[in-house]
Amino acid sequence: MVTVYTAQGEVDETQVRSFLEAHGIPTTSWGEALRKTHAFVLDGLGEVQIQVPTEYGDRARELLAAVERGELVLTDDDANP
Protein backbone atom coordinates (compact mmCIF):
# COMPACT_ATOMS: atom_id res chain seq x y z
CA MET A 1 0.00 0.00 0.00
CA VAL A 2 1.13 3.56 -0.73
CA THR A 3 -0.17 6.81 0.71
CA VAL A 4 -1.59 9.10 -1.96
CA TYR A 5 -3.38 11.71 0.16
CA THR A 6 -3.55 13.04 3.70
CA ALA A 7 -7.10 13.88 4.69
CA GLN A 8 -7.93 16.61 7.20
CA GLY A 9 -11.24 15.38 8.53
CA GLU A 10 -13.92 12.85 7.81
CA VAL A 11 -15.62 14.78 5.00
CA ASP A 12 -12.30 15.24 3.18
CA GLU A 13 -11.49 11.55 3.64
CA THR A 14 -14.92 10.41 2.42
CA GLN A 15 -14.83 12.62 -0.67
CA VAL A 16 -11.36 11.54 -1.75
CA ARG A 17 -11.93 7.84 -1.07
CA SER A 18 -15.27 7.89 -2.91
CA PHE A 19 -13.69 9.74 -5.84
CA LEU A 20 -10.84 7.25 -6.17
CA GLU A 21 -13.13 4.25 -5.74
CA ALA A 22 -15.48 5.64 -8.41
CA HIS A 23 -12.45 5.48 -10.72
CA GLY A 24 -11.87 1.82 -9.86
CA ILE A 25 -9.10 2.38 -7.32
CA PRO A 26 -9.49 0.49 -4.03
CA THR A 27 -8.64 2.54 -0.94
CA THR A 28 -8.04 2.16 2.76
CA SER A 29 -7.39 4.59 5.59
CA TRP A 30 -4.59 4.57 8.11
CA GLY A 31 -4.17 6.64 11.26
CA GLU A 32 -7.76 7.42 12.09
CA ALA A 33 -7.85 6.13 15.68
CA LEU A 34 -7.17 9.49 17.35
CA ARG A 35 -9.80 11.26 15.27
CA LYS A 36 -12.35 8.58 16.12
CA THR A 37 -11.71 8.91 19.86
CA HIS A 38 -11.26 12.70 20.10
CA ALA A 39 -13.10 13.97 16.97
CA PHE A 40 -10.63 16.69 16.00
CA VAL A 41 -7.65 17.43 13.77
CA LEU A 42 -5.01 19.75 15.23
CA ASP A 43 -1.43 20.19 13.99
CA GLY A 44 -1.52 16.83 12.26
CA LEU A 45 -3.15 14.93 15.10
CA GLY A 46 -6.07 12.99 13.74
CA GLU A 47 -4.94 13.13 10.12
CA VAL A 48 -5.87 10.16 7.98
CA GLN A 49 -3.59 8.74 5.31
CA ILE A 50 -5.52 7.48 2.30
CA GLN A 51 -3.71 4.51 0.86
CA VAL A 52 -4.09 2.48 -2.32
CA PRO A 53 -2.43 -0.72 -3.54
CA THR A 54 1.00 0.06 -5.01
CA GLU A 55 -0.08 -0.77 -8.56
CA TYR A 56 -2.77 1.96 -8.39
CA GLY A 57 -0.50 4.62 -6.86
CA ASP A 58 0.46 6.45 -10.04
CA ARG A 59 -3.10 6.56 -11.37
CA ALA A 60 -4.45 7.79 -8.03
CA ARG A 61 -1.84 10.57 -7.90
CA GLU A 62 -2.67 11.57 -11.51
CA LEU A 63 -6.38 11.84 -10.69
CA LEU A 64 -5.74 13.86 -7.52
CA ALA A 65 -3.32 16.14 -9.40
CA ALA A 66 -6.03 16.74 -12.03
CA VAL A 67 -8.35 17.82 -9.21
CA GLU A 68 -5.67 20.20 -7.88
CA ARG A 69 -5.26 21.72 -11.36
CA GLY A 70 -9.02 22.24 -11.61
CA GLU A 71 -9.46 19.73 -14.43
CA LEU A 72 -11.72 17.55 -12.28
CA VAL A 73 -13.93 18.58 -9.39
CA LEU A 74 -14.73 16.82 -6.13
CA THR A 75 -18.25 17.57 -4.96
CA ASP A 76 -20.42 16.50 -2.06
CA ASP A 77 -22.05 14.09 -4.52
CA ASP A 78 -18.73 12.19 -4.69
CA ALA A 79 -19.18 11.40 -0.99
CA ASN A 80 -22.67 9.98 -1.63
CA PRO A 81 -22.39 7.63 -4.63
C-alpha atoms as a PDB file:
ATOM      1  CA  MET A   1       0.000   0.000   0.000  1.00  0.00           C
ATOM      2  CA  VAL A   2       1.129   3.557  -0.726  1.00  0.00           C
ATOM      3  CA  THR A   3      -0.167   6.810   0.715  1.00  0.00           C
ATOM      4  CA  VAL A   4      -1.587   9.101  -1.964  1.00  0.00           C
ATOM      5  CA  TYR A   5      -3.383  11.710   0.159  1.00  0.00           C
ATOM      6  CA  THR A   6      -3.546  13.040   3.701  1.00  0.00           C
ATOM      7  CA  ALA A   7      -7.097  13.884   4.695  1.00  0.00           C
ATOM      8  CA  GLN A   8      -7.932  16.610   7.204  1.00  0.00           C
ATOM      9  CA  GLY A   9     -11.237  15.382   8.532  1.00  0.00           C
ATOM     10  CA  GLU A  10     -13.919  12.855   7.810  1.00  0.00           C
ATOM     11  CA  VAL A  11     -15.617  14.784   4.999  1.00  0.00           C
ATOM     12  CA  ASP A  12     -12.298  15.241   3.183  1.00  0.00           C
ATOM     13  CA  GLU A  13     -11.494  11.551   3.645  1.00  0.00           C
ATOM     14  CA  THR A  14     -14.916  10.412   2.421  1.00  0.00           C
ATOM     15  CA  GLN A  15     -14.832  12.622  -0.674  1.00  0.00           C
ATOM     16  CA  VAL A  16     -11.360  11.539  -1.746  1.00  0.00           C
ATOM     17  CA  ARG A  17     -11.928   7.843  -1.065  1.00  0.00           C
ATOM     18  CA  SER A  18     -15.265   7.890  -2.912  1.00  0.00           C
ATOM     19  CA  PHE A  19     -13.686   9.745  -5.836  1.00  0.00           C
ATOM     20  CA  LEU A  20     -10.843   7.249  -6.174  1.00  0.00           C
ATOM     21  CA  GLU A  21     -13.130   4.253  -5.738  1.00  0.00           C
ATOM     22  CA  ALA A  22     -15.478   5.643  -8.411  1.00  0.00           C
ATOM     23  CA  HIS A  23     -12.450   5.479 -10.723  1.00  0.00           C
ATOM     24  CA  GLY A  24     -11.865   1.817  -9.861  1.00  0.00           C
ATOM     25  CA  ILE A  25      -9.098   2.385  -7.324  1.00  0.00           C
ATOM     26  CA  PRO A  26      -9.491   0.495  -4.029  1.00  0.00           C
ATOM     27  CA  THR A  27      -8.638   2.544  -0.936  1.00  0.00           C
ATOM     28  CA  THR A  28      -8.042   2.157   2.756  1.00  0.00           C
ATOM     29  CA  SER A  29      -7.393   4.591   5.593  1.00  0.00           C
ATOM     30  CA  TRP A  30      -4.593   4.574   8.111  1.00  0.00           C
ATOM     31  CA  GLY A  31      -4.174   6.636  11.262  1.00  0.00           C
ATOM     32  CA  GLU A  32      -7.756   7.422  12.090  1.00  0.00           C
ATOM     33  CA  ALA A  33      -7.852   6.128  15.675  1.00  0.00           C
ATOM     34  CA  LEU A  34      -7.167   9.494  17.350  1.00  0.00           C
ATOM     35  CA  ARG A  35      -9.804  11.260  15.267  1.00  0.00           C
ATOM     36  CA  LYS A  36     -12.346   8.578  16.115  1.00  0.00           C
ATOM     37  CA  THR A  37     -11.713   8.909  19.856  1.00  0.00           C
ATOM     38  CA  HIS A  38     -11.260  12.697  20.096  1.00  0.00           C
ATOM     39  CA  ALA A  39     -13.098  13.970  16.969  1.00  0.00           C
ATOM     40  CA  PHE A  40     -10.629  16.687  15.996  1.00  0.00           C
ATOM     41  CA  VAL A  41      -7.648  17.431  13.774  1.00  0.00           C
ATOM     42  CA  LEU A  42      -5.008  19.749  15.225  1.00  0.00           C
ATOM     43  CA  ASP A  43      -1.435  20.187  13.993  1.00  0.00           C
ATOM     44  CA  GLY A  44      -1.516  16.832  12.263  1.00  0.00           C
ATOM     45  CA  LEU A  45      -3.152  14.932  15.103  1.00  0.00           C
ATOM     46  CA  GLY A  46      -6.073  12.989  13.742  1.00  0.00           C
ATOM     47  CA  GLU A  47      -4.944  13.128  10.118  1.00  0.00           C
ATOM     48  CA  VAL A  48      -5.867  10.163   7.983  1.00  0.00           C
ATOM     49  CA  GLN A  49      -3.594   8.744   5.314  1.00  0.00           C
ATOM     50  CA  ILE A  50      -5.517   7.478   2.303  1.00  0.00           C
ATOM     51  CA  GLN A  51      -3.711   4.508   0.861  1.00  0.00           C
ATOM     52  CA  VAL A  52      -4.093   2.479  -2.317  1.00  0.00           C
ATOM     53  CA  PRO A  53      -2.433  -0.720  -3.541  1.00  0.00           C
ATOM     54  CA  THR A  54       0.995   0.057  -5.012  1.00  0.00           C
ATOM     55  CA  GLU A  55      -0.084  -0.771  -8.560  1.00  0.00           C
ATOM     56  CA  TYR A  56      -2.766   1.960  -8.385  1.00  0.00           C
ATOM     57  CA  GLY A  57      -0.502   4.625  -6.862  1.00  0.00           C
ATOM     58  CA  ASP A  58       0.462   6.450 -10.044  1.00  0.00           C
ATOM     59  CA  ARG A  59      -3.103   6.565 -11.372  1.00  0.00           C
ATOM     60  CA  ALA A  60      -4.453   7.793  -8.025  1.00  0.00           C
ATOM     61  CA  ARG A  61      -1.844  10.565  -7.903  1.00  0.00           C
ATOM     62  CA  GLU A  62      -2.669  11.567 -11.506  1.00  0.00           C
ATOM     63  CA  LEU A  63      -6.380  11.843 -10.691  1.00  0.00           C
ATOM     64  CA  LEU A  64      -5.738  13.858  -7.522  1.00  0.00           C
ATOM     65  CA  ALA A  65      -3.319  16.137  -9.400  1.00  0.00           C
ATOM     66  CA  ALA A  66      -6.027  16.743 -12.027  1.00  0.00           C
ATOM     67  CA  VAL A  67      -8.349  17.824  -9.211  1.00  0.00           C
ATOM     68  CA  GLU A  68      -5.673  20.197  -7.881  1.00  0.00           C
ATOM     69  CA  ARG A  69      -5.262  21.715 -11.360  1.00  0.00           C
ATOM     70  CA  GLY A  70      -9.019  22.240 -11.613  1.00  0.00           C
ATOM     71  CA  GLU A  71      -9.456  19.731 -14.428  1.00  0.00           C
ATOM     72  CA  LEU A  72     -11.720  17.552 -12.278  1.00  0.00           C
ATOM     73  CA  VAL A  73     -13.926  18.583  -9.393  1.00  0.00           C
ATOM     74  CA  LEU A  74     -14.730  16.820  -6.126  1.00  0.00           C
ATOM     75  CA  THR A  75     -18.253  17.568  -4.964  1.00  0.00           C
ATOM     76  CA  ASP A  76     -20.423  16.504  -2.062  1.00  0.00           C
ATOM     77  CA  ASP A  77     -22.051  14.090  -4.519  1.00  0.00           C
ATOM     78  CA  ASP A  78     -18.733  12.193  -4.686  1.00  0.00           C
ATOM     79  CA  ALA A  79     -19.178  11.397  -0.992  1.00  0.00           C
ATOM     80  CA  ASN A  80     -22.672   9.978  -1.633  1.00  0.00           C
ATOM     81  CA  PRO A  81     -22.394   7.630  -4.630  1.00  0.00           C
END
